[in-house]
Amino acid sequence: MAKKKANKKSTKQTKLPTVNYAEFLENRPDDLTKRELEVAVQVGLGRTCREASGEIGISNETVRSHLATLRNKTKLRRKPQLMLWANLNAPWINDQLKQRSK
């Protein structure tokens, strides 16, 4: 009777990228519009573009446009980075929205 070779699973672990949280907190563009800040809040909550558009009352395409502008102004290219940025900067974003709604 032949012995079967045991399947050895790889024990190699995936290395996660390190995040410099200070960079996210220092990255606060002064020229964000009220709508861009509102979209940032929705992104921070994990909402899709369609969900955010319904919540804010603007079209899906307009949300995508604001997201593109947010990415350019914050120099963040991926949505998860923007989500993290929005969550870490939530108090600042809320203050900015209060100031602009006066």
N, C-alpha and C. Protein backbone atom coordinates (compact mmCIF):
# COMPACT_ATOMS: atom_id res chain seq x y z
N MET A 1 0.83 -1.17 0.00
CA MET A 1 0.00 0.00 0.00
C MET A 1 0.88 1.24 0.00
N ALA A 2 0.64 2.15 -0.96
CA ALA A 2 1.47 3.36 -1.11
C ALA A 2 1.00 4.43 -0.14
N LYS A 3 1.98 5.13 0.41
CA LYS A 3 1.64 6.23 1.32
C LYS A 3 1.32 7.48 0.50
N LYS A 4 0.30 8.19 0.96
CA LYS A 4 -0.05 9.45 0.32
C LYS A 4 0.75 10.56 0.97
N LYS A 5 1.18 11.49 0.13
CA LYS A 5 1.89 12.64 0.66
C LYS A 5 0.89 13.60 1.29
N ALA A 6 1.24 14.07 2.42
CA ALA A 6 0.37 15.03 3.11
C ALA A 6 0.48 16.39 2.43
N ASN A 7 -0.67 16.99 2.19
CA ASN A 7 -0.68 18.34 1.61
C ASN A 7 -0.32 19.34 2.70
N LYS A 8 0.77 20.01 2.48
CA LYS A 8 1.17 21.02 3.45
C LYS A 8 0.70 22.38 2.95
N LYS A 9 -0.08 23.01 3.77
CA LYS A 9 -0.53 24.35 3.42
C LYS A 9 0.58 25.33 3.73
N SER A 10 0.64 26.33 2.91
CA SER A 10 1.66 27.35 3.10
C SER A 10 1.39 28.12 4.39
N THR A 11 2.41 28.30 5.18
CA THR A 11 2.27 29.06 6.42
C THR A 11 2.72 30.49 6.22
N LYS A 12 2.96 30.84 4.97
CA LYS A 12 3.39 32.19 4.65
C LYS A 12 2.24 33.16 4.89
N GLN A 13 2.49 34.18 5.68
CA GLN A 13 1.45 35.15 6.00
C GLN A 13 1.57 36.36 5.08
N THR A 14 0.43 36.92 4.75
CA THR A 14 0.41 38.12 3.93
C THR A 14 0.79 39.32 4.78
N LYS A 15 1.71 40.10 4.28
CA LYS A 15 2.15 41.27 5.02
C LYS A 15 1.24 42.45 4.67
N LEU A 16 0.62 43.03 5.67
CA LEU A 16 -0.26 44.16 5.46
C LEU A 16 0.57 45.44 5.37
N PRO A 17 0.13 46.38 4.53
CA PRO A 17 0.88 47.63 4.44
C PRO A 17 0.74 48.44 5.72
N THR A 18 1.78 49.15 6.06
CA THR A 18 1.72 49.99 7.25
C THR A 18 1.05 51.31 6.89
N VAL A 19 0.35 51.87 7.83
CA VAL A 19 -0.38 53.11 7.60
C VAL A 19 0.20 54.18 8.51
N ASN A 20 0.55 55.29 7.92
CA ASN A 20 1.03 56.43 8.69
C ASN A 20 -0.18 57.33 8.98
N TYR A 21 -0.77 57.16 10.16
CA TYR A 21 -1.99 57.88 10.50
C TYR A 21 -1.76 59.38 10.57
N ALA A 22 -0.57 59.81 10.92
CA ALA A 22 -0.27 61.24 10.99
C ALA A 22 -0.48 61.90 9.63
N GLU A 23 -0.12 61.19 8.56
CA GLU A 23 -0.31 61.73 7.21
C GLU A 23 -1.79 61.98 6.94
N PHE A 24 -2.64 61.09 7.39
CA PHE A 24 -4.07 61.24 7.17
C PHE A 24 -4.62 62.43 7.96
N LEU A 25 -4.07 62.67 9.14
CA LEU A 25 -4.56 63.77 9.96
C LEU A 25 -4.01 65.12 9.50
N GLU A 26 -2.84 65.12 8.90
CA GLU A 26 -2.25 66.38 8.42
C GLU A 26 -2.81 66.77 7.05
N ASN A 27 -3.41 65.83 6.36
CA ASN A 27 -3.90 66.04 5.01
C ASN A 27 -5.32 66.59 5.07
N ARG A 28 -5.44 67.91 5.23
CA ARG A 28 -6.75 68.55 5.31
C ARG A 28 -6.80 69.73 4.34
N PRO A 29 -7.21 69.48 3.10
CA PRO A 29 -7.26 70.57 2.13
C PRO A 29 -8.24 71.67 2.56
N ASP A 30 -7.83 72.91 2.40
CA ASP A 30 -8.66 74.04 2.80
C ASP A 30 -9.75 74.36 1.79
N ASP A 31 -9.59 73.88 0.58
CA ASP A 31 -10.50 74.27 -0.49
C ASP A 31 -11.61 73.26 -0.78
N LEU A 32 -11.97 72.43 0.19
CA LEU A 32 -13.06 71.48 -0.03
C LEU A 32 -14.40 72.21 0.04
N THR A 33 -15.29 71.90 -0.89
CA THR A 33 -16.61 72.51 -0.89
C THR A 33 -17.50 71.79 0.12
N LYS A 34 -18.65 72.40 0.40
CA LYS A 34 -19.59 71.78 1.33
C LYS A 34 -20.04 70.42 0.81
N ARG A 35 -20.34 70.33 -0.49
CA ARG A 35 -20.76 69.05 -1.07
C ARG A 35 -19.67 67.99 -0.98
N GLU A 36 -18.43 68.38 -1.22
CA GLU A 36 -17.32 67.43 -1.11
C GLU A 36 -17.20 66.91 0.31
N LEU A 37 -17.41 67.80 1.28
CA LEU A 37 -17.37 67.37 2.69
C LEU A 37 -18.53 66.42 2.99
N GLU A 38 -19.71 66.71 2.44
CA GLU A 38 -20.86 65.83 2.64
C GLU A 38 -20.60 64.45 2.02
N VAL A 39 -20.00 64.43 0.86
CA VAL A 39 -19.66 63.15 0.21
C VAL A 39 -18.61 62.42 1.05
N ALA A 40 -17.65 63.16 1.62
CA ALA A 40 -16.63 62.54 2.48
C ALA A 40 -17.28 61.85 3.68
N VAL A 41 -18.28 62.49 4.26
CA VAL A 41 -19.00 61.88 5.39
C VAL A 41 -19.64 60.57 4.96
N GLN A 42 -20.29 60.58 3.79
CA GLN A 42 -20.95 59.38 3.30
C GLN A 42 -19.94 58.27 3.01
N VAL A 43 -18.79 58.64 2.45
CA VAL A 43 -17.73 57.66 2.19
C VAL A 43 -17.23 57.08 3.52
N GLY A 44 -17.06 57.94 4.51
CA GLY A 44 -16.61 57.49 5.83
C GLY A 44 -17.58 56.51 6.46
N LEU A 45 -18.86 56.65 6.13
CA LEU A 45 -19.87 55.73 6.64
C LEU A 45 -19.93 54.43 5.85
N GLY A 46 -19.13 54.35 4.78
CA GLY A 46 -19.08 53.13 3.98
C GLY A 46 -20.19 53.02 2.95
N ARG A 47 -20.82 54.12 2.63
CA ARG A 47 -21.92 54.09 1.68
C ARG A 47 -21.41 54.04 0.25
N THR A 48 -22.17 53.41 -0.62
CA THR A 48 -21.85 53.38 -2.04
C THR A 48 -22.23 54.73 -2.65
N CYS A 49 -21.82 54.95 -3.88
CA CYS A 49 -22.17 56.20 -4.57
C CYS A 49 -23.69 56.35 -4.68
N ARG A 50 -24.35 55.27 -5.00
CA ARG A 50 -25.81 55.31 -5.13
C ARG A 50 -26.47 55.63 -3.79
N GLU A 51 -26.02 55.00 -2.72
CA GLU A 51 -26.57 55.27 -1.39
C GLU A 51 -26.31 56.72 -0.98
N ALA A 52 -25.09 57.20 -1.25
CA ALA A 52 -24.73 58.57 -0.90
C ALA A 52 -25.58 59.57 -1.68
N SER A 53 -25.81 59.28 -2.95
CA SER A 53 -26.61 60.20 -3.77
C SER A 53 -28.03 60.32 -3.23
N GLY A 54 -28.60 59.20 -2.80
CA GLY A 54 -29.94 59.24 -2.22
C GLY A 54 -29.97 59.98 -0.90
N GLU A 55 -28.93 59.83 -0.11
CA GLU A 55 -28.85 60.47 1.20
C GLU A 55 -28.68 61.98 1.09
N ILE A 56 -27.83 62.41 0.15
CA ILE A 56 -27.53 63.83 0.00
C ILE A 56 -28.56 64.53 -0.89
N GLY A 57 -29.14 63.78 -1.84
CA GLY A 57 -30.12 64.37 -2.74
C GLY A 57 -29.51 64.90 -4.02
N ILE A 58 -28.43 64.26 -4.47
CA ILE A 58 -27.80 64.63 -5.74
C ILE A 58 -27.66 63.36 -6.58
N SER A 59 -27.32 63.52 -7.84
CA SER A 59 -27.24 62.35 -8.72
C SER A 59 -26.01 61.50 -8.42
N ASN A 60 -26.09 60.26 -8.84
CA ASN A 60 -24.98 59.31 -8.68
C ASN A 60 -23.72 59.83 -9.39
N GLU A 61 -23.90 60.40 -10.57
CA GLU A 61 -22.77 60.93 -11.33
C GLU A 61 -22.11 62.10 -10.61
N THR A 62 -22.93 62.93 -9.95
CA THR A 62 -22.38 64.06 -9.20
C THR A 62 -21.57 63.57 -8.01
N VAL A 63 -22.03 62.52 -7.35
CA VAL A 63 -21.27 61.93 -6.24
C VAL A 63 -19.93 61.43 -6.75
N ARG A 64 -19.94 60.75 -7.88
CA ARG A 64 -18.69 60.24 -8.47
C ARG A 64 -17.73 61.39 -8.81
N SER A 65 -18.30 62.48 -9.30
CA SER A 65 -17.48 63.66 -9.63
C SER A 65 -16.85 64.25 -8.36
N HIS A 66 -17.65 64.35 -7.30
CA HIS A 66 -17.13 64.86 -6.03
C HIS A 66 -16.06 63.92 -5.45
N LEU A 67 -16.26 62.62 -5.62
CA LEU A 67 -15.26 61.65 -5.16
C LEU A 67 -13.94 61.83 -5.90
N ALA A 68 -14.03 62.04 -7.21
CA ALA A 68 -12.81 62.25 -8.00
C ALA A 68 -12.09 63.51 -7.54
N THR A 69 -12.84 64.56 -7.28
CA THR A 69 -12.23 65.81 -6.80
C THR A 69 -11.62 65.61 -5.43
N LEU A 70 -12.32 64.89 -4.55
CA LEU A 70 -11.79 64.59 -3.21
C LEU A 70 -10.48 63.82 -3.31
N ARG A 71 -10.44 62.85 -4.19
CA ARG A 71 -9.21 62.06 -4.37
C ARG A 71 -8.05 62.94 -4.83
N ASN A 72 -8.34 63.86 -5.74
CA ASN A 72 -7.29 64.75 -6.23
C ASN A 72 -6.81 65.70 -5.14
N LYS A 73 -7.74 66.27 -4.40
CA LYS A 73 -7.37 67.25 -3.38
C LYS A 73 -6.66 66.62 -2.19
N THR A 74 -7.04 65.40 -1.84
CA THR A 74 -6.41 64.72 -0.70
C THR A 74 -5.22 63.87 -1.12
N LYS A 75 -5.05 63.71 -2.43
CA LYS A 75 -3.97 62.88 -3.00
C LYS A 75 -4.09 61.42 -2.56
N LEU A 76 -5.33 60.96 -2.35
CA LEU A 76 -5.61 59.57 -2.02
C LEU A 76 -6.27 58.94 -3.23
N ARG A 77 -5.77 57.81 -3.66
CA ARG A 77 -6.25 57.22 -4.91
C ARG A 77 -7.30 56.13 -4.72
N ARG A 78 -7.35 55.52 -3.60
CA ARG A 78 -8.26 54.39 -3.41
C ARG A 78 -9.37 54.74 -2.41
N LYS A 79 -10.54 54.16 -2.63
CA LYS A 79 -11.68 54.46 -1.77
C LYS A 79 -11.43 54.06 -0.31
N PRO A 80 -10.79 52.92 -0.03
CA PRO A 80 -10.52 52.60 1.38
C PRO A 80 -9.65 53.65 2.07
N GLN A 81 -8.70 54.23 1.32
CA GLN A 81 -7.88 55.30 1.89
C GLN A 81 -8.74 56.50 2.20
N LEU A 82 -9.65 56.82 1.30
CA LEU A 82 -10.55 57.95 1.51
C LEU A 82 -11.49 57.69 2.68
N MET A 83 -11.92 56.44 2.83
CA MET A 83 -12.77 56.07 3.97
C MET A 83 -12.02 56.28 5.28
N LEU A 84 -10.78 55.84 5.33
CA LEU A 84 -9.97 56.01 6.53
C LEU A 84 -9.74 57.48 6.81
N TRP A 85 -9.42 58.24 5.77
CA TRP A 85 -9.20 59.68 5.91
C TRP A 85 -10.45 60.36 6.49
N ALA A 86 -11.62 60.01 5.93
CA ALA A 86 -12.88 60.62 6.39
C ALA A 86 -13.17 60.26 7.85
N ASN A 87 -12.88 59.03 8.24
CA ASN A 87 -13.13 58.63 9.63
C ASN A 87 -12.17 59.29 10.60
N LEU A 88 -10.90 59.36 10.23
CA LEU A 88 -9.92 59.99 11.13
C LEU A 88 -10.13 61.49 11.23
N ASN A 89 -10.67 62.09 10.19
CA ASN A 89 -10.89 63.54 10.17
C ASN A 89 -12.34 63.92 10.41
N ALA A 90 -13.15 63.01 10.91
CA ALA A 90 -14.57 63.26 11.10
C ALA A 90 -14.84 64.51 11.95
N PRO A 91 -14.16 64.73 13.08
CA PRO A 91 -14.44 65.94 13.85
C PRO A 91 -14.15 67.22 13.05
N TRP A 92 -13.05 67.23 12.30
CA TRP A 92 -12.70 68.39 11.48
C TRP A 92 -13.74 68.59 10.37
N ILE A 93 -14.15 67.51 9.72
CA ILE A 93 -15.15 67.61 8.66
C ILE A 93 -16.45 68.17 9.21
N ASN A 94 -16.89 67.67 10.37
CA ASN A 94 -18.12 68.17 10.98
C ASN A 94 -18.02 69.65 11.33
N ASP A 95 -16.86 70.08 11.83
CA ASP A 95 -16.66 71.50 12.13
C ASP A 95 -16.74 72.34 10.85
N GLN A 96 -16.14 71.84 9.79
CA GLN A 96 -16.17 72.56 8.51
C GLN A 96 -17.60 72.68 7.99
N LEU A 97 -18.36 71.61 8.11
CA LEU A 97 -19.76 71.65 7.66
C LEU A 97 -20.59 72.63 8.49
N LYS A 98 -20.36 72.66 9.80
CA LYS A 98 -21.09 73.61 10.66
C LYS A 98 -20.77 75.05 10.27
N GLN A 99 -19.50 75.32 10.01
CA GLN A 99 -19.08 76.68 9.64
C GLN A 99 -19.70 77.10 8.31
N ARG A 100 -19.82 76.18 7.39
CA ARG A 100 -20.33 76.52 6.06
C ARG A 100 -21.84 76.54 5.97
N SER A 101 -22.50 76.03 7.00
CA SER A 101 -23.98 76.04 6.96
C SER A 101 -24.54 77.29 7.64
N LYS A 102 -23.67 78.12 8.15
CA LYS A 102 -24.14 79.36 8.80
C LYS A 102 -24.58 80.38 7.79
